[in-house]
């Protein structure tokens, strides 16, 4: 009896799923993040392929190029071997944010905050406090406190300072 070869299903942690996620993140990442990813990929592959006697020297060379300590190159290589290429993408600066969620506030929420500031003549700090109170009420179940740009109330607190709102 012959068994038909089945393609393995894509599970959230499968290699194919990670590659798809990486491709999506790279597609929307700014140029400087894509370049950083390419440099890190070159560094860890060079370090991984180097003969044993040259690894320390190669780590120092790449650390200088990347502006980090040699230990960072070794650590990133270790993480890369365990988790794959996605670990090389610096998601802190990416528009997709750390977990694939949008970084910062949605555009409708920013418009809402600007409207609050303009209509009431409030300072940015006062608007941030008002916004935090509105978020707390919405999380508590008050549907009238819904924030534009969100379908459901975000969990936890929004870490958005008045300085960040100024640049939004």
C-alpha atoms as a PDB file:
ATOM      1  CA  UNK A   1       0.000   0.000   0.000  1.00  0.00           C
ATOM      2  CA  UNK A   2       1.482   3.322  -0.995  1.00  0.00           C
ATOM      3  CA  UNK A   3       0.938   6.412   0.994  1.00  0.00           C
ATOM      4  CA  UNK A   4       0.472   9.700  -0.756  1.00  0.00           C
ATOM      5  CA  UNK A   5       3.013  12.263   0.312  1.00  0.00           C
ATOM      6  CA  UNK A   6       1.252  14.911   2.335  1.00  0.00           C
ATOM      7  CA  UNK A   7       2.493  18.428   2.758  1.00  0.00           C
ATOM      8  CA  UNK A   8       2.879  19.229   6.434  1.00  0.00           C
ATOM      9  CA  UNK A   9       0.307  21.673   7.709  1.00  0.00           C
ATOM     10  CA  UNK A  10       1.422  25.219   8.424  1.00  0.00           C
ATOM     11  CA  UNK A  11       1.383  25.561  12.183  1.00  0.00           C
ATOM     12  CA  UNK A  12       2.060  28.940  13.845  1.00  0.00           C
ATOM     13  CA  UNK A  13       5.635  27.934  14.697  1.00  0.00           C
ATOM     14  CA  UNK A  14       6.477  25.986  11.549  1.00  0.00           C
ATOM     15  CA  UNK A  15       9.349  27.105   9.371  1.00  0.00           C
ATOM     16  CA  UNK A  16       7.018  28.069   6.523  1.00  0.00           C
ATOM     17  CA  UNK A  17       4.858  30.166   8.848  1.00  0.00           C
ATOM     18  CA  UNK A  18       7.931  31.983  10.190  1.00  0.00           C
ATOM     19  CA  UNK A  19       9.150  32.627   6.635  1.00  0.00           C
ATOM     20  CA  UNK A  20       5.751  34.033   5.615  1.00  0.00           C
ATOM     21  CA  UNK A  21       5.683  36.276   8.676  1.00  0.00           C
ATOM     22  CA  UNK A  22       9.229  37.466   7.969  1.00  0.00           C
ATOM     23  CA  UNK A  23       8.386  38.231   4.324  1.00  0.00           C
ATOM     24  CA  UNK A  24       5.347  40.244   5.424  1.00  0.00           C
ATOM     25  CA  UNK A  25       7.341  42.190   8.021  1.00  0.00           C
ATOM     26  CA  UNK A  26      10.177  42.903   5.570  1.00  0.00           C
ATOM     27  CA  UNK A  27       7.720  44.066   2.909  1.00  0.00           C
ATOM     28  CA  UNK A  28       6.371  46.823   5.136  1.00  0.00           C
ATOM     29  CA  UNK A  29       9.612  47.664   6.941  1.00  0.00           C
ATOM     30  CA  UNK A  30      11.453  50.889   6.112  1.00  0.00           C
ATOM     31  CA  UNK A  31      14.662  50.689   4.108  1.00  0.00           C
ATOM     32  CA  UNK A  32      16.992  51.157   7.116  1.00  0.00           C
ATOM     33  CA  UNK A  33      15.415  48.145   8.864  1.00  0.00           C
ATOM     34  CA  UNK A  34      15.745  45.968   5.756  1.00  0.00           C
ATOM     35  CA  UNK A  35      19.402  46.991   5.458  1.00  0.00           C
ATOM     36  CA  UNK A  36      20.004  46.221   9.128  1.00  0.00           C
ATOM     37  CA  UNK A  37      18.404  42.794   8.615  1.00  0.00           C
ATOM     38  CA  UNK A  38      20.647  42.121   5.601  1.00  0.00           C
ATOM     39  CA  UNK A  39      23.786  43.105   7.548  1.00  0.00           C
ATOM     40  CA  UNK A  40      22.857  40.881  10.491  1.00  0.00           C
ATOM     41  CA  UNK A  41      22.053  37.991   8.166  1.00  0.00           C
ATOM     42  CA  UNK A  42      25.451  38.371   6.483  1.00  0.00           C
ATOM     43  CA  UNK A  43      27.154  38.542   9.899  1.00  0.00           C
ATOM     44  CA  UNK A  44      25.577  35.426  11.394  1.00  0.00           C
ATOM     45  CA  UNK A  45      25.965  33.349   8.225  1.00  0.00           C
ATOM     46  CA  UNK A  46      29.628  34.375   7.918  1.00  0.00           C
ATOM     47  CA  UNK A  47      30.219  33.532  11.575  1.00  0.00           C
ATOM     48  CA  UNK A  48      28.403  30.230  11.246  1.00  0.00           C
ATOM     49  CA  UNK A  49      30.334  29.190   8.119  1.00  0.00           C
ATOM     50  CA  UNK A  50      33.758  30.258   9.405  1.00  0.00           C
ATOM     51  CA  UNK A  51      36.305  27.660  10.495  1.00  0.00           C
ATOM     52  CA  UNK A  52      36.763  27.356  14.262  1.00  0.00           C
ATOM     53  CA  UNK A  53      40.048  29.280  14.405  1.00  0.00           C
ATOM     54  CA  UNK A  54      38.625  32.343  12.616  1.00  0.00           C
ATOM     55  CA  UNK A  55      35.278  32.748  14.380  1.00  0.00           C
ATOM     56  CA  UNK A  56      36.522  35.147  17.076  1.00  0.00           C
ATOM     57  CA  UNK A  57      38.184  37.427  14.515  1.00  0.00           C
ATOM     58  CA  UNK A  58      35.111  37.389  12.252  1.00  0.00           C
ATOM     59  CA  UNK A  59      32.854  38.225  15.209  1.00  0.00           C
ATOM     60  CA  UNK A  60      35.044  41.256  16.009  1.00  0.00           C
ATOM     61  CA  UNK A  61      35.027  42.441  12.376  1.00  0.00           C
ATOM     62  CA  UNK A  62      31.243  42.188  12.106  1.00  0.00           C
ATOM     63  CA  UNK A  63      30.762  43.798  15.523  1.00  0.00           C
ATOM     64  CA  UNK A  64      32.757  46.795  14.314  1.00  0.00           C
ATOM     65  CA  UNK A  65      30.683  46.999  11.120  1.00  0.00           C
ATOM     66  CA  UNK A  66      27.416  46.762  13.022  1.00  0.00           C
ATOM     67  CA  UNK A  67      28.466  49.075  15.850  1.00  0.00           C
ATOM     68  CA  UNK A  68      27.909  46.484  18.588  1.00  0.00           C
ATOM     69  CA  UNK A  69      30.008  44.385  20.943  1.00  0.00           C
ATOM     70  CA  UNK A  70      31.340  41.026  19.664  1.00  0.00           C
ATOM     71  CA  UNK A  71      29.219  39.275  22.312  1.00  0.00           C
ATOM     72  CA  UNK A  72      26.102  40.687  20.631  1.00  0.00           C
ATOM     73  CA  UNK A  73      27.103  39.026  17.364  1.00  0.00           C
ATOM     74  CA  UNK A  74      27.629  35.701  19.158  1.00  0.00           C
ATOM     75  CA  UNK A  75      24.287  36.017  20.976  1.00  0.00           C
ATOM     76  CA  UNK A  76      22.402  36.930  17.822  1.00  0.00           C
ATOM     77  CA  UNK A  77      23.987  33.955  16.027  1.00  0.00           C
ATOM     78  CA  UNK A  78      22.877  31.634  18.806  1.00  0.00           C
ATOM     79  CA  UNK A  79      19.311  32.989  18.665  1.00  0.00           C
ATOM     80  CA  UNK A  80      19.369  32.783  14.859  1.00  0.00           C
ATOM     81  CA  UNK A  81      20.320  29.100  14.958  1.00  0.00           C
ATOM     82  CA  UNK A  82      17.390  28.383  17.313  1.00  0.00           C
ATOM     83  CA  UNK A  83      14.668  30.644  15.899  1.00  0.00           C
ATOM     84  CA  UNK A  84      15.592  31.381  12.297  1.00  0.00           C
ATOM     85  CA  UNK A  85      15.934  34.563  10.269  1.00  0.00           C
ATOM     86  CA  UNK A  86      13.032  36.414  11.903  1.00  0.00           C
ATOM     87  CA  UNK A  87      15.145  37.013  15.010  1.00  0.00           C
ATOM     88  CA  UNK A  88      17.442  39.253  12.920  1.00  0.00           C
ATOM     89  CA  UNK A  89      14.685  41.737  12.129  1.00  0.00           C
ATOM     90  CA  UNK A  90      14.763  44.695  14.520  1.00  0.00           C
ATOM     91  CA  UNK A  91      11.041  44.929  15.185  1.00  0.00           C
ATOM     92  CA  UNK A  92      11.314  47.758  17.698  1.00  0.00           C
ATOM     93  CA  UNK A  93      11.600  50.324  14.912  1.00  0.00           C
ATOM     94  CA  UNK A  94       9.342  48.553  12.435  1.00  0.00           C
ATOM     95  CA  UNK A  95       5.926  49.978  11.615  1.00  0.00           C
ATOM     96  CA  UNK A  96       4.555  46.507  12.372  1.00  0.00           C
ATOM     97  CA  UNK A  97       5.768  46.689  15.955  1.00  0.00           C
ATOM     98  CA  UNK A  98       7.016  43.880  18.093  1.00  0.00           C
ATOM     99  CA  UNK A  99       4.229  41.317  17.720  1.00  0.00           C
ATOM    100  CA  UNK A 100       2.967  42.207  14.278  1.00  0.00           C
ATOM    101  CA  UNK A 101       0.543  44.744  15.781  1.00  0.00           C
ATOM    102  CA  UNK A 102       0.711  48.358  14.624  1.00  0.00           C
ATOM    103  CA  UNK A 103       3.276  50.413  16.515  1.00  0.00           C
ATOM    104  CA  UNK A 104       1.853  53.490  18.226  1.00  0.00           C
ATOM    105  CA  UNK A 105      -1.724  54.609  17.885  1.00  0.00           C
ATOM    106  CA  UNK A 106      -4.050  54.024  14.928  1.00  0.00           C
ATOM    107  CA  UNK A 107      -4.554  57.112  12.735  1.00  0.00           C
ATOM    108  CA  UNK A 108      -8.191  57.499  13.853  1.00  0.00           C
ATOM    109  CA  UNK A 109      -7.119  57.527  17.503  1.00  0.00           C
ATOM    110  CA  UNK A 110      -4.516  60.221  16.756  1.00  0.00           C
ATOM    111  CA  UNK A 111      -7.199  62.319  15.003  1.00  0.00           C
ATOM    112  CA  UNK A 112      -9.452  61.844  18.044  1.00  0.00           C
ATOM    113  CA  UNK A 113      -6.684  63.067  20.365  1.00  0.00           C
ATOM    114  CA  UNK A 114      -5.924  66.098  18.188  1.00  0.00           C
ATOM    115  CA  UNK A 115      -9.628  66.969  18.116  1.00  0.00           C
ATOM    116  CA  UNK A 116      -9.757  66.766  21.932  1.00  0.00           C
ATOM    117  CA  UNK A 117      -6.736  69.050  22.203  1.00  0.00           C
ATOM    118  CA  UNK A 118      -8.068  71.598  19.697  1.00  0.00           C
ATOM    119  CA  UNK A 119     -11.693  71.684  20.880  1.00  0.00           C
ATOM    120  CA  UNK A 120     -10.975  71.971  24.583  1.00  0.00           C
ATOM    121  CA  UNK A 121      -7.666  73.839  24.324  1.00  0.00           C
ATOM    122  CA  UNK A 122      -5.935  71.232  26.461  1.00  0.00           C
ATOM    123  CA  UNK A 123      -2.220  70.622  26.782  1.00  0.00           C
ATOM    124  CA  UNK A 124      -0.831  67.361  25.450  1.00  0.00           C
ATOM    125  CA  UNK A 125      -0.321  66.072  28.984  1.00  0.00           C
ATOM    126  CA  UNK A 126      -3.948  66.772  29.851  1.00  0.00           C
ATOM    127  CA  UNK A 127      -5.073  65.038  26.656  1.00  0.00           C
ATOM    128  CA  UNK A 128      -2.928  62.013  27.522  1.00  0.00           C
ATOM    129  CA  UNK A 129      -4.567  61.824  30.990  1.00  0.00           C
ATOM    130  CA  UNK A 130      -8.025  62.208  29.479  1.00  0.00           C
ATOM    131  CA  UNK A 131      -7.219  59.507  26.940  1.00  0.00           C
ATOM    132  CA  UNK A 132      -5.980  57.133  29.673  1.00  0.00           C
ATOM    133  CA  UNK A 133      -9.192  57.688  31.633  1.00  0.00           C
ATOM    134  CA  UNK A 134     -11.292  57.057  28.551  1.00  0.00           C
ATOM    135  CA  UNK A 135      -9.367  53.849  27.885  1.00  0.00           C
ATOM    136  CA  UNK A 136      -9.845  52.684  31.490  1.00  0.00           C
ATOM    137  CA  UNK A 137     -13.617  53.312  31.251  1.00  0.00           C
ATOM    138  CA  UNK A 138     -13.824  51.409  27.940  1.00  0.00           C
ATOM    139  CA  UNK A 139     -11.858  48.494  29.394  1.00  0.00           C
ATOM    140  CA  UNK A 140     -14.284  48.543  32.333  1.00  0.00           C
ATOM    141  CA  UNK A 141     -17.222  47.975  29.992  1.00  0.00           C
ATOM    142  CA  UNK A 142     -18.421  51.516  29.200  1.00  0.00           C
ATOM    143  CA  UNK A 143     -19.238  51.291  25.474  1.00  0.00           C
ATOM    144  CA  UNK A 144     -19.713  55.077  25.236  1.00  0.00           C
ATOM    145  CA  UNK A 145     -15.975  55.511  25.951  1.00  0.00           C
ATOM    146  CA  UNK A 146     -14.974  53.645  22.750  1.00  0.00           C
ATOM    147  CA  UNK A 147     -11.796  55.013  21.139  1.00  0.00           C
ATOM    148  CA  UNK A 148     -11.892  55.484  17.360  1.00  0.00           C
ATOM    149  CA  UNK A 149      -9.479  53.259  15.470  1.00  0.00           C
ATOM    150  CA  UNK A 150      -9.918  50.237  17.746  1.00  0.00           C
ATOM    151  CA  UNK A 151     -12.437  47.417  17.318  1.00  0.00           C
ATOM    152  CA  UNK A 152     -12.055  46.203  20.890  1.00  0.00           C
ATOM    153  CA  UNK A 153     -10.523  47.808  23.939  1.00  0.00           C
ATOM    154  CA  UNK A 154      -6.738  47.279  23.952  1.00  0.00           C
ATOM    155  CA  UNK A 155      -5.468  45.251  26.895  1.00  0.00           C
ATOM    156  CA  UNK A 156      -3.343  46.962  29.528  1.00  0.00           C
ATOM    157  CA  UNK A 157      -2.256  50.576  29.196  1.00  0.00           C
ATOM    158  CA  UNK A 158      -1.241  52.412  26.084  1.00  0.00           C
ATOM    159  CA  UNK A 159       2.330  53.543  26.636  1.00  0.00           C
ATOM    160  CA  UNK A 160       2.020  56.789  24.746  1.00  0.00           C
ATOM    161  CA  UNK A 161       3.548  59.816  26.397  1.00  0.00           C
ATOM    162  CA  UNK A 162       2.655  63.416  25.660  1.00  0.00           C
ATOM    163  CA  UNK A 163       5.961  63.804  23.801  1.00  0.00           C
ATOM    164  CA  UNK A 164       5.037  60.927  21.478  1.00  0.00           C
ATOM    165  CA  UNK A 165       1.601  62.437  20.890  1.00  0.00           C
ATOM    166  CA  UNK A 166       3.246  65.678  19.793  1.00  0.00           C
ATOM    167  CA  UNK A 167       4.960  63.845  16.951  1.00  0.00           C
ATOM    168  CA  UNK A 168       1.977  61.695  15.998  1.00  0.00           C
END
